[in-house]
Protein backbone atom coordinates (compact mmCIF):
# COMPACT_ATOMS: atom_id res chain seq x y z
CA MET A 1 -114.02 -117.78 -115.50
CA ARG A 2 -113.20 -115.03 -117.97
CA ILE A 3 -111.23 -112.02 -116.80
CA LEU A 4 -112.09 -108.82 -118.65
CA SER A 5 -109.27 -106.73 -120.07
CA THR A 6 -109.23 -102.99 -120.59
CA CYS A 7 -107.09 -103.22 -123.70
CA PHE A 8 -109.44 -101.82 -126.32
CA PRO A 9 -108.92 -99.58 -129.35
CA VAL A 10 -107.44 -96.28 -128.30
CA GLY A 11 -109.83 -94.43 -130.59
CA LEU A 12 -112.69 -95.45 -128.33
CA LEU A 13 -111.12 -94.10 -125.17
CA LEU A 14 -111.70 -90.40 -125.71
CA ALA A 15 -114.46 -88.80 -123.71
CA PHE A 16 -114.62 -85.10 -124.49
CA LEU A 17 -115.06 -82.87 -121.50
CA PRO A 18 -118.70 -81.83 -121.26
CA LEU A 19 -119.39 -78.24 -122.14
CA SER A 20 -120.84 -77.62 -118.72
CA ALA A 21 -120.32 -74.40 -116.84
CA ALA A 22 -120.91 -76.12 -113.53
CA THR A 23 -118.42 -78.89 -114.30
CA VAL A 24 -115.63 -76.69 -115.53
CA THR A 25 -115.95 -73.71 -113.25
CA ALA A 26 -116.18 -75.91 -110.19
CA ALA A 27 -112.70 -77.19 -110.99
CA THR A 28 -111.33 -73.66 -110.78
CA LEU A 29 -112.59 -73.30 -107.23
CA LEU A 30 -110.74 -76.21 -105.66
CA PRO A 31 -108.72 -75.18 -102.59
CA SER A 32 -104.95 -74.93 -102.92
CA SER A 33 -102.03 -73.88 -100.77
CA GLU A 34 -102.76 -70.31 -101.77
CA ILE A 35 -105.58 -68.39 -103.38
CA PRO A 36 -104.56 -68.07 -107.05
CA GLU A 37 -106.68 -64.99 -107.63
CA LEU A 38 -104.72 -63.06 -104.98
CA ARG A 39 -101.23 -63.59 -106.41
CA GLU A 40 -101.18 -60.02 -107.74
CA SER A 41 -102.42 -58.49 -104.46
CA ALA A 42 -99.22 -57.33 -102.78
CA ASP A 43 -101.06 -55.93 -99.78
CA LEU A 44 -102.39 -59.42 -99.01
CA SER A 45 -99.06 -61.23 -99.30
CA ASP A 46 -98.93 -61.93 -95.57
CA GLY A 47 -102.33 -63.62 -95.79
CA GLN A 48 -101.16 -65.65 -98.76
CA GLU A 49 -98.04 -66.68 -96.85
CA ALA A 50 -100.22 -67.91 -93.99
CA MET A 51 -102.28 -69.88 -96.52
CA ARG A 52 -99.13 -71.53 -97.86
CA ARG A 53 -98.21 -72.55 -94.30
CA LYS A 54 -101.77 -73.85 -93.92
CA ASP A 55 -102.08 -71.52 -90.95
CA TYR A 56 -105.69 -70.82 -91.81
CA PRO A 57 -106.64 -69.10 -88.52
CA ALA A 58 -103.86 -66.55 -89.09
CA ALA A 59 -104.88 -66.08 -92.73
CA LEU A 60 -108.50 -65.64 -91.69
CA LEU A 61 -107.53 -62.96 -89.17
CA ILE A 62 -105.40 -61.07 -91.72
CA PHE A 63 -108.07 -61.15 -94.41
CA THR A 64 -110.78 -60.13 -91.94
CA ARG A 65 -108.83 -57.05 -90.87
CA LYS A 66 -108.26 -56.05 -94.48
CA ALA A 67 -111.89 -56.72 -95.37
CA ASP A 68 -113.09 -54.50 -92.54
CA SER A 69 -111.41 -51.59 -94.31
CA GLY A 70 -113.25 -52.36 -97.56
CA ASN A 71 -110.53 -54.37 -99.33
CA ALA A 72 -112.37 -56.21 -102.11
CA ALA A 73 -109.65 -58.83 -102.60
CA ALA A 74 -109.73 -59.63 -98.88
CA LEU A 75 -113.51 -60.02 -99.03
CA PHE A 76 -113.02 -62.41 -101.93
CA ALA A 77 -110.47 -64.35 -99.85
CA LEU A 78 -112.96 -64.68 -97.00
CA GLY A 79 -115.58 -65.96 -99.43
CA TYR A 80 -113.07 -68.48 -100.73
CA MET A 81 -112.14 -69.70 -97.25
CA HIS A 82 -115.77 -70.04 -96.18
CA GLN A 83 -116.62 -71.86 -99.39
CA HIS A 84 -113.90 -74.46 -98.84
CA GLY A 85 -113.98 -74.64 -95.06
CA LEU A 86 -110.42 -73.38 -94.58
CA GLY A 87 -110.05 -72.37 -90.94
CA VAL A 88 -113.83 -72.12 -90.59
CA ASP A 89 -116.82 -74.37 -91.07
CA ALA A 90 -117.77 -74.47 -94.75
CA SER A 91 -120.76 -72.21 -95.34
CA ALA A 92 -122.28 -71.49 -98.72
CA MET A 93 -124.31 -68.67 -97.20
CA ALA A 94 -121.29 -66.90 -95.69
CA SER A 95 -119.29 -67.51 -98.85
CA GLU A 96 -122.00 -65.94 -100.98
CA THR A 97 -122.21 -62.94 -98.65
CA PHE A 98 -118.49 -62.20 -98.90
CA TYR A 99 -118.38 -62.81 -102.65
CA ARG A 100 -121.33 -60.48 -103.14
CA GLN A 101 -119.67 -57.69 -101.15
CA ALA A 102 -116.45 -58.10 -103.11
CA ALA A 103 -118.30 -58.27 -106.43
CA LYS A 104 -120.13 -55.02 -105.71
CA LEU A 105 -116.72 -53.43 -105.16
CA GLY A 106 -115.66 -54.57 -108.63
CA ASN A 107 -113.67 -57.72 -107.81
CA VAL A 108 -113.88 -59.81 -110.98
CA ALA A 109 -112.91 -63.11 -109.35
CA ALA A 110 -115.70 -62.61 -106.82
CA MET A 111 -118.18 -61.89 -109.61
CA HIS A 112 -117.25 -65.20 -111.21
CA ASN A 113 -117.38 -67.29 -108.05
CA LEU A 114 -120.63 -65.66 -106.94
CA ALA A 115 -122.08 -66.47 -110.35
CA VAL A 116 -121.03 -70.10 -110.02
CA LEU A 117 -122.86 -70.39 -106.70
CA LEU A 118 -125.97 -68.71 -108.06
CA VAL A 119 -126.13 -70.63 -111.35
CA ALA A 120 -126.03 -73.91 -109.43
CA ARG A 121 -129.03 -72.86 -107.32
CA PRO A 122 -132.56 -73.16 -108.72
CA GLY A 123 -134.20 -69.78 -109.05
CA SER A 124 -130.93 -67.84 -109.13
CA VAL A 125 -129.69 -68.67 -112.61
CA ALA A 126 -130.68 -65.29 -114.06
CA GLU A 127 -128.81 -63.34 -111.39
CA GLY A 128 -125.84 -65.67 -111.71
CA THR A 129 -125.76 -65.09 -115.44
CA GLU A 130 -125.77 -61.32 -114.88
CA TRP A 131 -122.73 -61.52 -112.61
CA LEU A 132 -121.00 -63.88 -115.01
CA THR A 133 -121.62 -61.46 -117.86
CA LYS A 134 -120.18 -58.57 -115.84
CA ALA A 135 -117.06 -60.58 -115.03
CA ALA A 136 -116.64 -61.63 -118.65
CA GLU A 137 -117.06 -58.06 -119.88
CA LYS A 138 -114.33 -57.00 -117.45
CA GLY A 139 -111.93 -59.42 -119.11
CA SER A 140 -112.33 -62.60 -117.10
CA GLY A 141 -111.54 -65.49 -119.43
CA ARG A 142 -112.92 -67.91 -116.88
CA ALA A 143 -116.25 -66.08 -116.90
CA ALA A 144 -116.33 -65.80 -120.69
CA LEU A 145 -115.70 -69.54 -120.96
CA ALA A 146 -118.49 -70.23 -118.49
CA MET A 147 -120.87 -67.94 -120.39
CA GLY A 148 -120.27 -69.85 -123.60
CA ARG A 149 -120.84 -73.13 -121.84
CA LEU A 150 -124.03 -71.93 -120.22
CA ILE A 151 -125.37 -71.24 -123.70
CA THR A 152 -124.22 -74.52 -125.25
CA ASP A 153 -125.73 -76.46 -122.34
CA GLY A 154 -128.96 -74.47 -122.37
CA PRO A 155 -132.24 -74.82 -124.25
CA ASN A 156 -131.28 -72.18 -126.82
CA ALA A 157 -127.93 -73.70 -127.80
CA LYS A 158 -128.76 -73.70 -131.52
CA THR A 159 -130.31 -70.25 -131.77
CA GLN A 160 -127.60 -68.65 -129.62
CA ALA A 161 -124.65 -70.50 -131.12
CA ALA A 162 -123.15 -67.26 -132.41
CA ASP A 163 -123.23 -65.78 -128.90
CA ALA A 164 -121.56 -68.87 -127.47
CA GLU A 165 -118.84 -68.70 -130.10
CA SER A 166 -118.28 -65.03 -129.34
CA TRP A 167 -117.78 -65.78 -125.63
CA PHE A 168 -115.41 -68.66 -126.40
CA ARG A 169 -113.34 -66.39 -128.64
CA LYS A 170 -113.16 -63.77 -125.87
CA ALA A 171 -112.02 -66.48 -123.46
CA VAL A 172 -109.20 -67.45 -125.81
CA GLN A 173 -107.94 -63.86 -125.72
CA ALA A 174 -107.85 -63.72 -121.91
CA PRO A 175 -104.69 -64.75 -120.03
CA GLU A 176 -106.23 -67.29 -117.63
CA LEU A 177 -107.55 -70.65 -118.84
CA LYS A 178 -106.31 -69.77 -122.33
CA GLU A 179 -105.47 -73.38 -123.21
CA GLU A 180 -108.78 -74.71 -121.92
CA ALA A 181 -110.65 -72.03 -123.84
CA ALA A 182 -108.76 -72.88 -127.04
CA PHE A 183 -109.67 -76.54 -126.64
CA THR A 184 -113.31 -75.69 -125.96
CA LEU A 185 -113.47 -73.44 -129.01
CA ALA A 186 -111.87 -76.17 -131.13
CA VAL A 187 -114.55 -78.68 -130.13
CA PHE A 188 -117.25 -76.05 -130.67
CA LEU A 189 -116.05 -75.29 -134.19
CA ASP A 190 -115.74 -78.97 -135.12
CA PRO A 191 -117.00 -81.59 -132.64
CA THR A 192 -115.35 -84.35 -134.70
CA LEU A 193 -111.99 -82.52 -134.75
CA THR A 194 -111.35 -84.16 -138.13
CA GLY A 195 -113.29 -81.95 -140.55
CA THR A 196 -111.75 -80.28 -143.59
CA ASP A 197 -113.85 -77.13 -144.06
CA ALA A 198 -112.65 -73.68 -143.01
CA ARG A 199 -114.21 -73.76 -139.53
CA SER A 200 -112.81 -77.22 -138.88
CA LYS A 201 -109.35 -76.14 -139.96
CA GLU A 202 -109.54 -73.15 -137.63
CA GLY A 203 -110.69 -75.48 -134.87
CA ARG A 204 -107.72 -77.76 -135.52
CA LYS A 205 -105.38 -74.77 -135.09
CA PHE A 206 -106.88 -74.02 -131.68
CA LEU A 207 -106.65 -77.69 -130.76
CA GLU A 208 -103.00 -77.84 -131.80
CA SER A 209 -102.15 -74.69 -129.83
CA SER A 210 -103.90 -76.00 -126.72
CA ALA A 211 -102.12 -79.35 -126.98
CA GLU A 212 -98.78 -77.67 -127.62
CA ALA A 213 -99.28 -75.65 -124.43
CA GLY A 214 -99.69 -78.91 -122.54
CA TYR A 215 -103.43 -78.88 -121.86
CA GLN A 216 -103.96 -82.60 -121.39
CA PRO A 217 -107.56 -82.92 -122.64
CA ALA A 218 -106.36 -81.29 -125.86
CA VAL A 219 -103.37 -83.63 -126.04
CA LEU A 220 -105.65 -86.65 -125.76
CA ALA A 221 -108.23 -85.25 -128.18
CA LEU A 222 -105.56 -84.40 -130.74
CA SER A 223 -104.00 -87.85 -130.56
CA ASP A 224 -107.41 -89.45 -131.00
CA ALA A 225 -108.22 -87.22 -133.98
CA LEU A 226 -104.88 -88.09 -135.56
CA LEU A 227 -105.57 -91.79 -135.14
CA ARG A 228 -108.95 -91.37 -136.82
CA THR A 229 -107.35 -89.57 -139.75
CA LYS A 230 -104.71 -92.30 -140.10
CA GLU A 231 -101.87 -90.09 -138.87
CA GLY A 232 -100.58 -92.67 -136.44
CA ALA A 233 -96.98 -91.49 -136.27
CA ARG A 234 -98.05 -87.98 -135.21
CA ALA A 235 -100.54 -89.42 -132.72
CA VAL A 236 -97.75 -91.39 -131.08
CA GLU A 237 -95.56 -88.29 -130.83
CA VAL A 238 -98.39 -86.32 -129.25
CA LEU A 239 -99.00 -89.09 -126.72
CA LYS A 240 -95.29 -89.27 -125.94
CA LYS A 241 -95.35 -85.57 -125.07
CA GLY A 242 -98.39 -86.14 -122.89
CA ASP A 243 -96.65 -89.04 -121.17
CA ALA A 244 -93.55 -86.92 -120.56
CA ALA A 245 -95.77 -84.18 -119.10
CA GLY A 246 -97.19 -86.62 -116.57
CA SER A 247 -100.54 -87.52 -118.13
CA THR A 248 -101.34 -91.05 -116.96
CA GLU A 249 -104.08 -91.30 -119.59
CA ALA A 250 -101.54 -90.52 -122.32
CA THR A 251 -99.23 -93.13 -120.83
CA PHE A 252 -102.03 -95.69 -120.84
CA ARG A 253 -103.00 -94.98 -124.43
CA LEU A 254 -99.40 -95.12 -125.56
CA ALA A 255 -99.07 -98.48 -123.80
CA SER A 256 -102.16 -99.75 -125.62
CA LEU A 257 -100.74 -98.72 -128.99
CA ASN A 258 -97.52 -100.57 -128.23
CA PHE A 259 -99.46 -103.60 -127.05
CA GLU A 260 -101.81 -103.72 -130.04
CA GLY A 261 -99.22 -102.93 -132.70
CA ARG A 262 -101.93 -101.03 -134.53
CA VAL A 263 -100.13 -97.91 -135.77
CA ILE A 264 -96.64 -98.81 -134.60
CA PRO A 265 -94.89 -102.19 -134.42
CA ALA A 266 -96.02 -104.23 -131.45
CA ASN A 267 -93.63 -103.81 -128.54
CA PRO A 268 -94.71 -105.90 -125.53
CA VAL A 269 -91.73 -104.81 -123.44
CA GLU A 270 -92.49 -101.11 -123.91
CA ALA A 271 -96.20 -101.74 -123.42
CA LEU A 272 -95.49 -103.46 -120.11
CA ARG A 273 -93.25 -100.61 -118.97
CA LEU A 274 -95.89 -98.03 -119.81
CA TYR A 275 -98.78 -99.99 -118.32
CA THR A 276 -96.75 -100.41 -115.14
CA LYS A 277 -95.89 -96.71 -115.07
CA ALA A 278 -99.52 -95.68 -115.47
CA ALA A 279 -100.74 -98.29 -112.99
CA GLU A 280 -98.23 -97.25 -110.35
CA ALA A 281 -99.44 -93.67 -110.83
CA GLY A 282 -102.98 -94.80 -110.04
CA HIS A 283 -104.58 -95.11 -113.49
CA PRO A 284 -107.49 -97.56 -112.91
CA ALA A 285 -107.66 -99.01 -116.43
CA ALA A 286 -103.89 -99.50 -116.49
CA CYS A 287 -104.11 -101.41 -113.20
CA ASN A 288 -106.78 -103.64 -114.71
CA GLN A 289 -104.83 -104.19 -117.92
CA LEU A 290 -101.61 -104.97 -116.08
CA ALA A 291 -103.50 -107.45 -113.93
CA SER A 292 -104.93 -109.07 -117.06
CA LEU A 293 -101.40 -109.55 -118.44
CA TYR A 294 -100.23 -111.19 -115.22
CA GLN A 295 -103.36 -113.33 -115.11
CA ALA A 296 -102.88 -114.63 -118.65
CA GLY A 297 -99.09 -114.63 -118.71
CA LYS A 298 -99.02 -112.38 -121.75
CA GLY A 299 -97.20 -109.22 -122.76
CA GLY A 300 -93.77 -110.48 -121.77
CA VAL A 301 -94.62 -111.49 -118.20
CA ALA A 302 -94.95 -114.92 -116.65
CA ALA A 303 -98.36 -115.85 -115.30
CA ASP A 304 -98.59 -114.63 -111.72
CA PRO A 305 -102.09 -114.93 -110.19
CA VAL A 306 -101.00 -113.19 -106.98
CA LYS A 307 -99.74 -110.09 -108.80
CA ALA A 308 -102.84 -110.19 -110.98
CA TRP A 309 -105.06 -110.18 -107.91
CA GLU A 310 -103.13 -107.29 -106.36
CA TRP A 311 -103.53 -105.13 -109.47
CA PHE A 312 -107.19 -106.08 -109.93
CA LEU A 313 -107.77 -105.12 -106.31
CA LYS A 314 -106.10 -101.75 -106.89
CA ALA A 315 -108.24 -101.14 -109.99
CA ALA A 316 -111.31 -102.10 -107.98
CA THR A 317 -110.37 -99.86 -105.08
CA LEU A 318 -109.89 -96.98 -107.52
CA GLY A 319 -113.50 -97.46 -108.60
CA LEU A 320 -113.15 -99.08 -112.03
CA PRO A 321 -116.30 -101.19 -112.57
CA MET A 322 -114.43 -103.68 -114.76
CA GLY A 323 -111.72 -103.96 -112.11
CA GLN A 324 -114.34 -104.52 -109.42
CA PHE A 325 -115.87 -107.29 -111.51
CA ASN A 326 -112.47 -108.91 -112.06
CA ALA A 327 -111.64 -108.67 -108.36
CA GLY A 328 -114.90 -110.49 -107.72
CA VAL A 329 -113.93 -113.21 -110.21
CA CYS A 330 -110.59 -113.69 -108.44
CA LEU A 331 -112.29 -114.04 -105.07
CA GLU A 332 -114.95 -116.36 -106.42
CA ASP A 333 -112.50 -118.69 -108.18
CA GLY A 334 -109.56 -118.34 -105.81
CA LEU A 335 -107.25 -116.80 -108.41
CA GLY A 336 -104.22 -115.48 -106.53
CA VAL A 337 -106.24 -115.15 -103.35
CA ALA A 338 -108.24 -117.43 -101.07
CA LYS A 339 -111.76 -118.17 -102.26
CA ASN A 340 -114.30 -115.83 -100.72
CA PRO A 341 -117.77 -116.04 -102.31
CA ALA A 342 -119.19 -113.34 -100.03
CA GLY A 343 -116.31 -110.98 -100.80
CA ALA A 344 -116.76 -111.69 -104.50
CA CYS A 345 -120.40 -110.68 -104.34
CA GLN A 346 -119.50 -107.46 -102.55
CA TRP A 347 -117.30 -106.46 -105.48
CA TYR A 348 -119.92 -107.65 -107.98
CA CYS A 349 -122.44 -105.45 -106.21
CA GLN A 350 -120.25 -102.34 -106.36
CA SER A 351 -119.62 -102.92 -110.05
CA ALA A 352 -123.28 -103.65 -110.72
CA LEU A 353 -124.36 -100.45 -108.99
CA SER A 354 -122.16 -98.59 -111.49
CA GLY A 355 -124.21 -100.13 -114.30
CA TYR A 356 -121.62 -102.69 -115.42
CA ALA A 357 -123.67 -105.36 -117.20
CA PRO A 358 -121.34 -108.38 -116.68
CA ALA A 359 -121.39 -107.71 -112.93
CA GLN A 360 -125.17 -107.27 -112.91
CA ASN A 361 -125.54 -110.60 -114.67
CA ARG A 362 -123.11 -112.36 -112.32
CA LEU A 363 -124.75 -110.89 -109.23
CA GLY A 364 -128.15 -111.96 -110.51
CA LEU A 365 -126.92 -115.53 -110.93
CA ARG A 366 -125.44 -115.57 -107.42
CA TYR A 367 -128.75 -114.40 -105.96
CA GLN A 368 -130.47 -117.07 -108.02
CA GLU A 369 -128.13 -119.78 -106.72
CA GLY A 370 -127.57 -118.43 -103.21
CA GLN A 371 -123.78 -118.40 -103.56
CA GLY A 372 -122.04 -115.69 -101.55
CA VAL A 373 -125.42 -114.12 -100.77
CA LEU A 374 -128.72 -115.35 -99.45
CA LYS A 375 -130.83 -116.91 -102.17
CA ASP A 376 -133.25 -114.27 -103.45
CA PRO A 377 -135.08 -114.94 -106.74
CA VAL A 378 -136.63 -111.46 -106.74
CA ALA A 379 -133.22 -109.77 -106.49
CA ALA A 380 -131.84 -112.19 -109.06
CA ARG A 381 -134.56 -111.32 -111.54
CA ALA A 382 -134.11 -107.59 -110.94
CA TRP A 383 -130.35 -107.66 -111.55
CA LEU A 384 -130.65 -109.88 -114.61
CA ARG A 385 -133.23 -107.49 -116.01
CA GLU A 386 -130.83 -104.55 -115.53
CA ALA A 387 -128.13 -106.32 -117.52
CA ALA A 388 -130.56 -107.62 -120.15
CA MET A 389 -131.87 -104.10 -120.76
CA GLN A 390 -128.32 -103.15 -121.76
CA GLY A 391 -128.27 -105.91 -124.37
CA PHE A 392 -125.85 -108.16 -122.49
CA GLU A 393 -126.59 -111.48 -124.16
CA ALA A 394 -125.84 -113.81 -121.25
CA ALA A 395 -128.20 -111.79 -119.07
CA MET A 396 -130.88 -111.71 -121.76
CA LEU A 397 -130.78 -115.50 -121.83
CA ASN A 398 -130.81 -115.85 -118.05
CA TYR A 399 -133.58 -113.29 -117.65
CA ALA A 400 -135.67 -114.99 -120.35
CA SER A 401 -135.29 -118.27 -118.48
CA MET A 402 -136.55 -116.69 -115.25
CA LEU A 403 -139.48 -115.09 -117.08
CA ALA A 404 -140.42 -118.38 -118.71
CA GLY A 405 -140.18 -120.25 -115.42
CA GLY A 406 -141.93 -117.62 -113.31
CA GLN A 407 -138.95 -117.34 -110.97
CA GLY A 408 -138.71 -114.21 -108.85
CA GLY A 409 -142.00 -112.88 -110.22
CA PRO A 410 -144.96 -113.73 -112.44
CA ARG A 411 -144.40 -115.93 -115.47
CA ASP A 412 -144.04 -113.73 -118.55
CA ILE A 413 -143.96 -115.88 -121.66
CA PRO A 414 -144.38 -113.06 -124.24
CA ASN A 415 -141.30 -111.20 -123.03
CA ALA A 416 -139.36 -114.44 -122.65
CA VAL A 417 -140.16 -115.30 -126.27
CA THR A 418 -139.10 -111.82 -127.39
CA LEU A 419 -135.74 -112.19 -125.68
CA TYR A 420 -135.21 -115.73 -126.96
CA LYS A 421 -136.10 -114.68 -130.52
CA SER A 422 -133.68 -111.75 -130.46
CA LEU A 423 -130.87 -114.12 -129.49
CA ALA A 424 -132.04 -116.95 -131.72
CA GLY A 425 -131.79 -114.52 -134.62
CA LYS A 426 -128.06 -114.41 -133.83
CA ASN A 427 -127.94 -118.23 -133.83
CA HIS A 428 -127.41 -118.39 -130.05
CA PRO A 429 -127.63 -122.13 -129.18
CA ASP A 430 -129.07 -121.73 -125.68
CA ALA A 431 -131.73 -119.32 -126.92
CA LEU A 432 -132.65 -121.71 -129.75
CA HIS A 433 -132.99 -124.49 -127.20
CA GLY A 434 -135.09 -122.42 -124.77
CA LEU A 435 -137.34 -121.15 -127.52
CA GLY A 436 -137.72 -124.68 -128.86
CA LEU A 437 -138.94 -125.90 -125.48
CA LEU A 438 -141.56 -123.14 -125.35
CA MET A 439 -142.75 -123.92 -128.90
CA GLU A 440 -143.00 -127.61 -128.05
CA SER A 441 -144.88 -127.10 -124.79
CA GLY A 442 -147.49 -124.76 -126.22
CA LEU A 443 -146.70 -122.09 -123.63
CA ALA A 444 -145.84 -119.63 -126.39
CA GLY A 445 -149.06 -120.31 -128.28
CA PRO A 446 -150.35 -123.43 -130.02
CA ALA A 447 -147.78 -126.23 -129.80
CA ASP A 448 -145.62 -126.29 -132.93
CA PRO A 449 -143.55 -129.52 -133.00
CA PRO A 450 -141.92 -128.87 -136.42
CA ARG A 451 -140.59 -125.47 -135.34
CA ALA A 452 -139.58 -126.91 -131.97
CA LEU A 453 -137.59 -129.68 -133.68
CA ALA A 454 -135.95 -127.25 -136.10
CA LEU A 455 -134.85 -124.99 -133.26
CA GLN A 456 -133.33 -127.90 -131.34
CA GLN A 457 -131.57 -129.18 -134.46
CA LEU A 458 -130.08 -125.76 -135.18
CA ALA A 459 -128.56 -125.74 -131.69
CA ALA A 460 -127.75 -129.46 -131.41
CA ASP A 461 -124.07 -129.29 -132.35
CA ARG A 462 -123.41 -126.66 -129.65
CA ASN A 463 -125.89 -127.53 -126.91
CA PRO A 464 -126.06 -131.11 -125.55
CA ALA A 465 -129.55 -130.57 -124.13
CA ALA A 466 -130.77 -129.39 -127.53
CA LYS A 467 -129.22 -132.44 -129.18
CA ALA A 468 -130.95 -134.77 -126.74
CA ARG A 469 -134.28 -133.03 -127.21
CA ALA A 470 -133.96 -133.15 -131.01
CA GLU A 471 -133.27 -136.89 -130.88
CA ALA A 472 -136.31 -137.41 -128.65
CA LEU A 473 -138.57 -135.45 -131.00
CA LEU A 474 -137.33 -137.35 -134.04
CA LYS A 475 -138.59 -140.54 -132.44
CA VAL A 476 -142.16 -139.33 -132.03
CA LEU A 477 -142.88 -136.83 -134.80
CA SER A 478 -144.65 -137.73 -138.00
CA PRO A 479 -142.79 -137.78 -141.33
CA GLU A 480 -144.74 -134.68 -142.34
CA ASP A 481 -143.58 -132.76 -139.25
CA LYS A 482 -140.00 -133.90 -139.84
CA THR A 483 -140.18 -132.63 -143.42
CA LYS A 484 -141.43 -129.24 -142.21
CA ALA A 485 -138.65 -129.09 -139.64
CA ALA A 486 -136.06 -129.90 -142.30
CA ALA A 487 -137.32 -127.00 -144.40
CA TYR A 488 -136.99 -124.66 -141.44
CA VAL A 489 -133.43 -125.84 -140.79
CA LYS A 490 -132.55 -125.33 -144.45
CA ASP A 491 -133.77 -121.73 -144.30
CA PRO A 492 -134.01 -120.53 -140.65
CA ARG A 493 -135.46 -117.22 -141.84
CA THR A 494 -138.76 -119.03 -142.43
CA LEU A 495 -139.02 -119.96 -138.76
CA PHE A 496 -140.28 -116.50 -137.83
CA PRO A 497 -141.08 -114.55 -140.99
CA ALA A 498 -141.11 -110.79 -140.64
CA LYS A 499 -144.57 -109.33 -140.20
CA THR A 500 -145.81 -107.18 -143.05
CA GLU A 501 -148.24 -104.32 -142.69
CA GLY A 502 -151.61 -105.02 -144.25
């Protein structure tokens, strides 16, 4: 059973960070061993020290005492601790109260964090935007960046593009998040990052500066842009810097380039080293790729099903849908691990729930057959439909078969024919065979033996059942029908001529 590899063109791996205020600003609020916004507050150093010791009750007491005397930074700290549940139960309401008090006293960080809470709450977006604007106008790069993203994500993105650009440019000038702002502005100026006009060139400068400063999304975006503009040598150098800086994604992409030999000479030994490095650091796709190498005995390693299983399992545990599917395959076929049909279906299910079409198709078949799960035609049909809707050809064929046979639901010949035709147009032998049976039986309309024979003959050399059916039809059809069938085989386009508007 085929194991799926994650080794695909590096140029397809880039997923630009969404220009979402909620996504980006939320990342700036994650708890740490100290409160970054208070590093300049000397009078709160004892509270910060307690935070570093993770003595949250002591920190809470210190900040509370300071806050009682109207210290805005301490009020911000209390909002932060209540937001993240540090020493107290997490409470959005209490957090908002403290942030609001601090914001009214002019604390810029509190204005920003209050705005984030409000923008995420229906009915409070306008007030949140007001606080965000105040913070940005007071020099908060984080707030300026969020303001730009609110516009680009909003309904007036096109008409307010100039405003968004203005906010992004202000964010670039601020000290905090400077590299992220530069990257965001680069993508805003030229989403392709490969243009040659003046704006694109300016965008490339911001991208280069962000990457040079070590901002990893910029490093990855720059390397991808360089690959698309055929500057492979520079792309490799950029990825090497990212790898040295600890970016597991850069390590993985560099490994793929060495494995493929696309812009540099193929180097299986270096590819294996880099895949292993990224996998050991917890990169899901690297785990899956390393497992694929051990499974197939490629890339300079001997075949080792046990190691393959271990790495597939790690990829699956890390949440990679392809890894979950492959872990299921190993359990189903006993590859490096004892056979466990039920365990296989559990992994197929997790992968399928993520929308991974091969897993949806496999899970549908197992429900159809009752292997590893209780037989359930309705569930089988539902999962096959999910995969078929994504254009996964095996599922389209399996789903069409269930529709034609009325399994797991009402018989639906029209949709079965549509699916079969779409695959038959690609010369898929099983689809040609299935469609031929429907044409012969008359279920798809008036019986049409010549078309049925032609369809079976077109699939005969690749489908034994089609060959047998074609031989049976040749014994009973008239010479006239055989002649018609031969004409269809000679020019398959005449089987189903395109409809013209009249």
